[in-house]
């Protein structure tokens, strides 16, 4: 009897994961195409305004105002999909190591942390875990996914938030580089971003 219950439980688990995986995979592939259609090189970057919680700038930060002073690197993180993303932490650490080089190119780096409005600031604080962001970095919140949805970067699947993305906007407000990853990895290195500036 015990063996029969175990077989039924195992079959139920296999069936559930077999059905869930294709749906998840399909969802993770569809949205980057929509994002790619919205985020084309040579097109003007859509303006946005988000609250800053750490770094060089404070208060409400507007892309057009920051962009008036030079190029802007927009890095969209995964936020808090139930845990702090290690790939996001590694990417931010790599970017921070090159802070002087971004400053030398007169480029500001906006790190965007998306998520549901509830507890977003607390999760963002946990992500930073006391890190003091150097110039020219600013950490922004995207409460309720307003920016993420507007830019077509919402990864609408269980335990997901946004597609990890890096966008470079030149002094004229046009997108000159964009990388949208449809996985947790596939992040752009600081060296590649600097080469795109």
C-alpha atoms as a PDB file:
ATOM      1  CA  UNK A   1       0.000   0.000   0.000  1.00  0.00           C
ATOM      2  CA  UNK A   2       2.842   2.401   0.904  1.00  0.00           C
ATOM      3  CA  UNK A   3       4.576   1.680  -2.415  1.00  0.00           C
ATOM      4  CA  UNK A   4       1.359   2.420  -4.349  1.00  0.00           C
ATOM      5  CA  UNK A   5       0.896   5.787  -2.577  1.00  0.00           C
ATOM      6  CA  UNK A   6       4.531   6.670  -3.346  1.00  0.00           C
ATOM      7  CA  UNK A   7       4.036   5.802  -7.060  1.00  0.00           C
ATOM      8  CA  UNK A   8       0.884   7.954  -7.231  1.00  0.00           C
ATOM      9  CA  UNK A   9       2.664  10.869  -5.543  1.00  0.00           C
ATOM     10  CA  UNK A  10       5.638  10.539  -7.900  1.00  0.00           C
ATOM     11  CA  UNK A  11       3.377  10.393 -10.981  1.00  0.00           C
ATOM     12  CA  UNK A  12       1.495  13.472  -9.778  1.00  0.00           C
ATOM     13  CA  UNK A  13       4.777  15.353  -9.292  1.00  0.00           C
ATOM     14  CA  UNK A  14       6.101  14.374 -12.752  1.00  0.00           C
ATOM     15  CA  UNK A  15       2.818  15.356 -14.409  1.00  0.00           C
ATOM     16  CA  UNK A  16       2.696  18.707 -12.596  1.00  0.00           C
ATOM     17  CA  UNK A  17       6.272  19.627 -13.530  1.00  0.00           C
ATOM     18  CA  UNK A  18       5.830  18.441 -17.122  1.00  0.00           C
ATOM     19  CA  UNK A  19       2.795  20.682 -17.554  1.00  0.00           C
ATOM     20  CA  UNK A  20       4.306  23.662 -15.723  1.00  0.00           C
ATOM     21  CA  UNK A  21       7.685  23.807 -17.482  1.00  0.00           C
ATOM     22  CA  UNK A  22       6.479  24.463 -21.070  1.00  0.00           C
ATOM     23  CA  UNK A  23       4.099  27.203 -19.868  1.00  0.00           C
ATOM     24  CA  UNK A  24       6.940  28.853 -17.935  1.00  0.00           C
ATOM     25  CA  UNK A  25       9.340  28.539 -20.861  1.00  0.00           C
ATOM     26  CA  UNK A  26       6.807  30.027 -23.275  1.00  0.00           C
ATOM     27  CA  UNK A  27       6.167  32.985 -20.993  1.00  0.00           C
ATOM     28  CA  UNK A  28       9.876  33.663 -20.636  1.00  0.00           C
ATOM     29  CA  UNK A  29      10.386  33.760 -24.406  1.00  0.00           C
ATOM     30  CA  UNK A  30       7.386  35.857 -25.478  1.00  0.00           C
ATOM     31  CA  UNK A  31       7.965  39.066 -23.535  1.00  0.00           C
ATOM     32  CA  UNK A  32      11.573  39.739 -24.586  1.00  0.00           C
ATOM     33  CA  UNK A  33      10.315  39.921 -28.176  1.00  0.00           C
ATOM     34  CA  UNK A  34       7.800  42.587 -27.150  1.00  0.00           C
ATOM     35  CA  UNK A  35      10.529  44.382 -25.230  1.00  0.00           C
ATOM     36  CA  UNK A  36      12.868  44.197 -28.210  1.00  0.00           C
ATOM     37  CA  UNK A  37      10.178  45.802 -30.363  1.00  0.00           C
ATOM     38  CA  UNK A  38       9.883  48.719 -27.915  1.00  0.00           C
ATOM     39  CA  UNK A  39      13.611  49.093 -27.247  1.00  0.00           C
ATOM     40  CA  UNK A  40      15.256  49.621 -30.624  1.00  0.00           C
ATOM     41  CA  UNK A  41      18.678  51.169 -31.151  1.00  0.00           C
ATOM     42  CA  UNK A  42      18.331  54.655 -32.577  1.00  0.00           C
ATOM     43  CA  UNK A  43      14.867  55.187 -31.060  1.00  0.00           C
ATOM     44  CA  UNK A  44      14.261  57.776 -28.325  1.00  0.00           C
ATOM     45  CA  UNK A  45      14.122  56.332 -24.814  1.00  0.00           C
ATOM     46  CA  UNK A  46      10.731  56.675 -23.146  1.00  0.00           C
ATOM     47  CA  UNK A  47      10.909  59.100 -20.250  1.00  0.00           C
ATOM     48  CA  UNK A  48      10.226  57.875 -16.706  1.00  0.00           C
ATOM     49  CA  UNK A  49      10.249  59.202 -13.154  1.00  0.00           C
ATOM     50  CA  UNK A  50      11.087  56.929 -10.214  1.00  0.00           C
ATOM     51  CA  UNK A  51      11.977  57.420  -6.534  1.00  0.00           C
ATOM     52  CA  UNK A  52      15.657  57.162  -5.561  1.00  0.00           C
ATOM     53  CA  UNK A  53      16.559  55.352  -2.347  1.00  0.00           C
ATOM     54  CA  UNK A  54      20.369  55.310  -2.539  1.00  0.00           C
ATOM     55  CA  UNK A  55      23.296  56.728  -4.456  1.00  0.00           C
ATOM     56  CA  UNK A  56      24.164  60.065  -5.998  1.00  0.00           C
ATOM     57  CA  UNK A  57      20.665  61.397  -6.741  1.00  0.00           C
ATOM     58  CA  UNK A  58      17.735  61.721  -4.356  1.00  0.00           C
ATOM     59  CA  UNK A  59      13.996  62.298  -4.487  1.00  0.00           C
ATOM     60  CA  UNK A  60      12.117  61.688  -7.723  1.00  0.00           C
ATOM     61  CA  UNK A  61      14.563  61.027 -10.549  1.00  0.00           C
ATOM     62  CA  UNK A  62      13.463  61.712 -14.121  1.00  0.00           C
ATOM     63  CA  UNK A  63      15.347  60.191 -17.051  1.00  0.00           C
ATOM     64  CA  UNK A  64      15.091  63.310 -19.234  1.00  0.00           C
ATOM     65  CA  UNK A  65      16.627  65.497 -16.494  1.00  0.00           C
ATOM     66  CA  UNK A  66      19.496  63.081 -15.834  1.00  0.00           C
ATOM     67  CA  UNK A  67      20.010  62.584 -19.567  1.00  0.00           C
ATOM     68  CA  UNK A  68      20.371  66.355 -20.097  1.00  0.00           C
ATOM     69  CA  UNK A  69      23.783  66.092 -18.388  1.00  0.00           C
ATOM     70  CA  UNK A  70      25.107  63.174 -20.457  1.00  0.00           C
ATOM     71  CA  UNK A  71      24.655  59.524 -21.299  1.00  0.00           C
ATOM     72  CA  UNK A  72      22.629  57.282 -18.983  1.00  0.00           C
ATOM     73  CA  UNK A  73      22.978  53.556 -18.343  1.00  0.00           C
ATOM     74  CA  UNK A  74      19.690  51.998 -17.191  1.00  0.00           C
ATOM     75  CA  UNK A  75      20.087  48.608 -15.499  1.00  0.00           C
ATOM     76  CA  UNK A  76      16.873  46.741 -14.744  1.00  0.00           C
ATOM     77  CA  UNK A  77      17.305  44.209 -11.947  1.00  0.00           C
ATOM     78  CA  UNK A  78      14.974  41.340 -11.074  1.00  0.00           C
ATOM     79  CA  UNK A  79      13.851  42.889  -7.800  1.00  0.00           C
ATOM     80  CA  UNK A  80      12.632  40.408  -5.203  1.00  0.00           C
ATOM     81  CA  UNK A  81      11.066  37.253  -6.715  1.00  0.00           C
ATOM     82  CA  UNK A  82      11.032  35.618  -3.274  1.00  0.00           C
ATOM     83  CA  UNK A  83      14.806  35.960  -2.767  1.00  0.00           C
ATOM     84  CA  UNK A  84      17.658  38.326  -3.609  1.00  0.00           C
ATOM     85  CA  UNK A  85      18.966  37.461  -7.066  1.00  0.00           C
ATOM     86  CA  UNK A  86      22.670  36.451  -6.948  1.00  0.00           C
ATOM     87  CA  UNK A  87      23.149  37.301 -10.651  1.00  0.00           C
ATOM     88  CA  UNK A  88      21.844  40.837  -9.990  1.00  0.00           C
ATOM     89  CA  UNK A  89      24.206  41.206  -7.017  1.00  0.00           C
ATOM     90  CA  UNK A  90      27.164  40.084  -9.143  1.00  0.00           C
ATOM     91  CA  UNK A  91      26.237  42.453 -11.981  1.00  0.00           C
ATOM     92  CA  UNK A  92      25.883  45.443  -9.653  1.00  0.00           C
ATOM     93  CA  UNK A  93      29.214  44.624  -7.958  1.00  0.00           C
ATOM     94  CA  UNK A  94      30.909  44.473 -11.374  1.00  0.00           C
ATOM     95  CA  UNK A  95      29.423  47.825 -12.408  1.00  0.00           C
ATOM     96  CA  UNK A  96      30.418  49.473  -9.115  1.00  0.00           C
ATOM     97  CA  UNK A  97      34.028  48.310  -9.556  1.00  0.00           C
ATOM     98  CA  UNK A  98      34.105  50.467 -12.701  1.00  0.00           C
ATOM     99  CA  UNK A  99      32.461  53.558 -11.147  1.00  0.00           C
ATOM    100  CA  UNK A 100      35.455  55.804 -11.945  1.00  0.00           C
ATOM    101  CA  UNK A 101      35.328  54.798 -15.608  1.00  0.00           C
ATOM    102  CA  UNK A 102      31.599  55.589 -15.844  1.00  0.00           C
ATOM    103  CA  UNK A 103      32.269  58.968 -14.210  1.00  0.00           C
ATOM    104  CA  UNK A 104      35.143  59.638 -16.639  1.00  0.00           C
ATOM    105  CA  UNK A 105      32.712  59.096 -19.519  1.00  0.00           C
ATOM    106  CA  UNK A 106      30.226  61.485 -17.856  1.00  0.00           C
ATOM    107  CA  UNK A 107      27.650  58.687 -17.706  1.00  0.00           C
ATOM    108  CA  UNK A 108      25.181  58.128 -14.890  1.00  0.00           C
ATOM    109  CA  UNK A 109      24.079  54.619 -13.949  1.00  0.00           C
ATOM    110  CA  UNK A 110      20.470  54.122 -12.828  1.00  0.00           C
ATOM    111  CA  UNK A 111      19.829  50.773 -11.130  1.00  0.00           C
ATOM    112  CA  UNK A 112      16.100  49.950 -11.176  1.00  0.00           C
ATOM    113  CA  UNK A 113      14.658  47.546  -8.611  1.00  0.00           C
ATOM    114  CA  UNK A 114      11.088  46.551  -9.597  1.00  0.00           C
ATOM    115  CA  UNK A 115       8.409  44.896  -7.522  1.00  0.00           C
ATOM    116  CA  UNK A 116       5.021  45.008  -5.881  1.00  0.00           C
ATOM    117  CA  UNK A 117       4.464  48.141  -3.812  1.00  0.00           C
ATOM    118  CA  UNK A 118       4.295  46.276  -0.513  1.00  0.00           C
ATOM    119  CA  UNK A 119       7.696  45.788   1.135  1.00  0.00           C
ATOM    120  CA  UNK A 120       9.597  46.936  -1.981  1.00  0.00           C
ATOM    121  CA  UNK A 121      11.696  49.487  -0.060  1.00  0.00           C
ATOM    122  CA  UNK A 122      12.522  46.872   2.596  1.00  0.00           C
ATOM    123  CA  UNK A 123      13.601  44.323  -0.038  1.00  0.00           C
ATOM    124  CA  UNK A 124      15.675  46.978  -1.832  1.00  0.00           C
ATOM    125  CA  UNK A 125      17.423  47.796   1.445  1.00  0.00           C
ATOM    126  CA  UNK A 126      18.148  44.086   1.928  1.00  0.00           C
ATOM    127  CA  UNK A 127      19.578  43.935  -1.614  1.00  0.00           C
ATOM    128  CA  UNK A 128      21.934  46.830  -0.936  1.00  0.00           C
ATOM    129  CA  UNK A 129      22.797  45.413   2.538  1.00  0.00           C
ATOM    130  CA  UNK A 130      24.516  48.619   3.595  1.00  0.00           C
ATOM    131  CA  UNK A 131      26.407  49.211   0.339  1.00  0.00           C
ATOM    132  CA  UNK A 132      27.118  52.901  -0.202  1.00  0.00           C
ATOM    133  CA  UNK A 133      26.749  53.490  -3.921  1.00  0.00           C
ATOM    134  CA  UNK A 134      29.504  55.665  -5.414  1.00  0.00           C
ATOM    135  CA  UNK A 135      28.967  58.431  -7.934  1.00  0.00           C
ATOM    136  CA  UNK A 136      27.590  58.210 -10.612  1.00  0.00           C
ATOM    137  CA  UNK A 137      25.213  55.437  -9.382  1.00  0.00           C
ATOM    138  CA  UNK A 138      21.620  55.873  -8.202  1.00  0.00           C
ATOM    139  CA  UNK A 139      19.303  53.099  -6.980  1.00  0.00           C
ATOM    140  CA  UNK A 140      15.666  53.554  -8.006  1.00  0.00           C
ATOM    141  CA  UNK A 141      12.494  51.718  -7.042  1.00  0.00           C
ATOM    142  CA  UNK A 142       9.814  50.701  -9.531  1.00  0.00           C
ATOM    143  CA  UNK A 143       6.760  50.231  -7.288  1.00  0.00           C
ATOM    144  CA  UNK A 144       3.940  48.318  -8.950  1.00  0.00           C
ATOM    145  CA  UNK A 145       6.039  47.648 -12.084  1.00  0.00           C
ATOM    146  CA  UNK A 146       5.023  50.929 -13.749  1.00  0.00           C
ATOM    147  CA  UNK A 147       8.391  51.441 -15.452  1.00  0.00           C
ATOM    148  CA  UNK A 148       8.831  47.716 -16.121  1.00  0.00           C
ATOM    149  CA  UNK A 149       5.450  47.475 -17.844  1.00  0.00           C
ATOM    150  CA  UNK A 150       5.949  50.705 -19.807  1.00  0.00           C
ATOM    151  CA  UNK A 151       9.256  49.395 -21.152  1.00  0.00           C
ATOM    152  CA  UNK A 152       7.825  45.945 -21.949  1.00  0.00           C
ATOM    153  CA  UNK A 153      10.174  44.234 -19.501  1.00  0.00           C
ATOM    154  CA  UNK A 154       7.682  42.539 -17.169  1.00  0.00           C
ATOM    155  CA  UNK A 155       8.528  38.842 -16.784  1.00  0.00           C
ATOM    156  CA  UNK A 156       5.020  37.705 -15.966  1.00  0.00           C
ATOM    157  CA  UNK A 157       5.642  34.182 -14.698  1.00  0.00           C
ATOM    158  CA  UNK A 158       5.603  32.527 -11.265  1.00  0.00           C
ATOM    159  CA  UNK A 159       8.398  33.863  -9.033  1.00  0.00           C
ATOM    160  CA  UNK A 160       9.558  36.358 -11.662  1.00  0.00           C
ATOM    161  CA  UNK A 161       9.444  40.135 -11.844  1.00  0.00           C
ATOM    162  CA  UNK A 162      11.348  41.721 -14.740  1.00  0.00           C
ATOM    163  CA  UNK A 163      13.686  40.611 -17.501  1.00  0.00           C
ATOM    164  CA  UNK A 164      17.231  41.613 -16.512  1.00  0.00           C
ATOM    165  CA  UNK A 165      18.115  44.381 -18.951  1.00  0.00           C
ATOM    166  CA  UNK A 166      20.743  46.987 -19.703  1.00  0.00           C
ATOM    167  CA  UNK A 167      19.982  50.044 -21.838  1.00  0.00           C
ATOM    168  CA  UNK A 168      22.377  52.827 -22.816  1.00  0.00           C
ATOM    169  CA  UNK A 169      20.827  56.205 -23.690  1.00  0.00           C
ATOM    170  CA  UNK A 170      23.123  58.748 -25.354  1.00  0.00           C
ATOM    171  CA  UNK A 171      23.219  62.517 -24.758  1.00  0.00           C
ATOM    172  CA  UNK A 172      20.521  63.055 -27.406  1.00  0.00           C
ATOM    173  CA  UNK A 173      18.105  60.728 -25.577  1.00  0.00           C
ATOM    174  CA  UNK A 174      18.376  57.887 -28.097  1.00  0.00           C
ATOM    175  CA  UNK A 175      18.970  54.244 -27.268  1.00  0.00           C
ATOM    176  CA  UNK A 176      22.419  53.190 -28.475  1.00  0.00           C
ATOM    177  CA  UNK A 177      22.664  49.793 -26.766  1.00  0.00           C
ATOM    178  CA  UNK A 178      20.126  47.345 -25.371  1.00  0.00           C
ATOM    179  CA  UNK A 179      20.402  43.841 -23.945  1.00  0.00           C
ATOM    180  CA  UNK A 180      17.308  42.081 -22.601  1.00  0.00           C
ATOM    181  CA  UNK A 181      17.935  38.644 -21.085  1.00  0.00           C
ATOM    182  CA  UNK A 182      15.180  36.037 -21.092  1.00  0.00           C
ATOM    183  CA  UNK A 183      16.977  34.111 -18.341  1.00  0.00           C
ATOM    184  CA  UNK A 184      18.464  34.907 -14.951  1.00  0.00           C
ATOM    185  CA  UNK A 185      21.901  35.063 -16.513  1.00  0.00           C
ATOM    186  CA  UNK A 186      23.047  36.682 -19.754  1.00  0.00           C
ATOM    187  CA  UNK A 187      24.059  39.908 -18.004  1.00  0.00           C
ATOM    188  CA  UNK A 188      26.137  42.559 -19.686  1.00  0.00           C
ATOM    189  CA  UNK A 189      29.551  43.175 -18.147  1.00  0.00           C
ATOM    190  CA  UNK A 190      30.692  46.639 -17.111  1.00  0.00           C
ATOM    191  CA  UNK A 191      33.402  46.430 -19.787  1.00  0.00           C
ATOM    192  CA  UNK A 192      30.774  45.901 -22.508  1.00  0.00           C
ATOM    193  CA  UNK A 193      28.638  48.766 -21.196  1.00  0.00           C
ATOM    194  CA  UNK A 194      31.633  51.105 -21.119  1.00  0.00           C
ATOM    195  CA  UNK A 195      32.488  50.114 -24.701  1.00  0.00           C
ATOM    196  CA  UNK A 196      28.916  51.015 -25.722  1.00  0.00           C
ATOM    197  CA  UNK A 197      29.165  54.536 -24.238  1.00  0.00           C
END
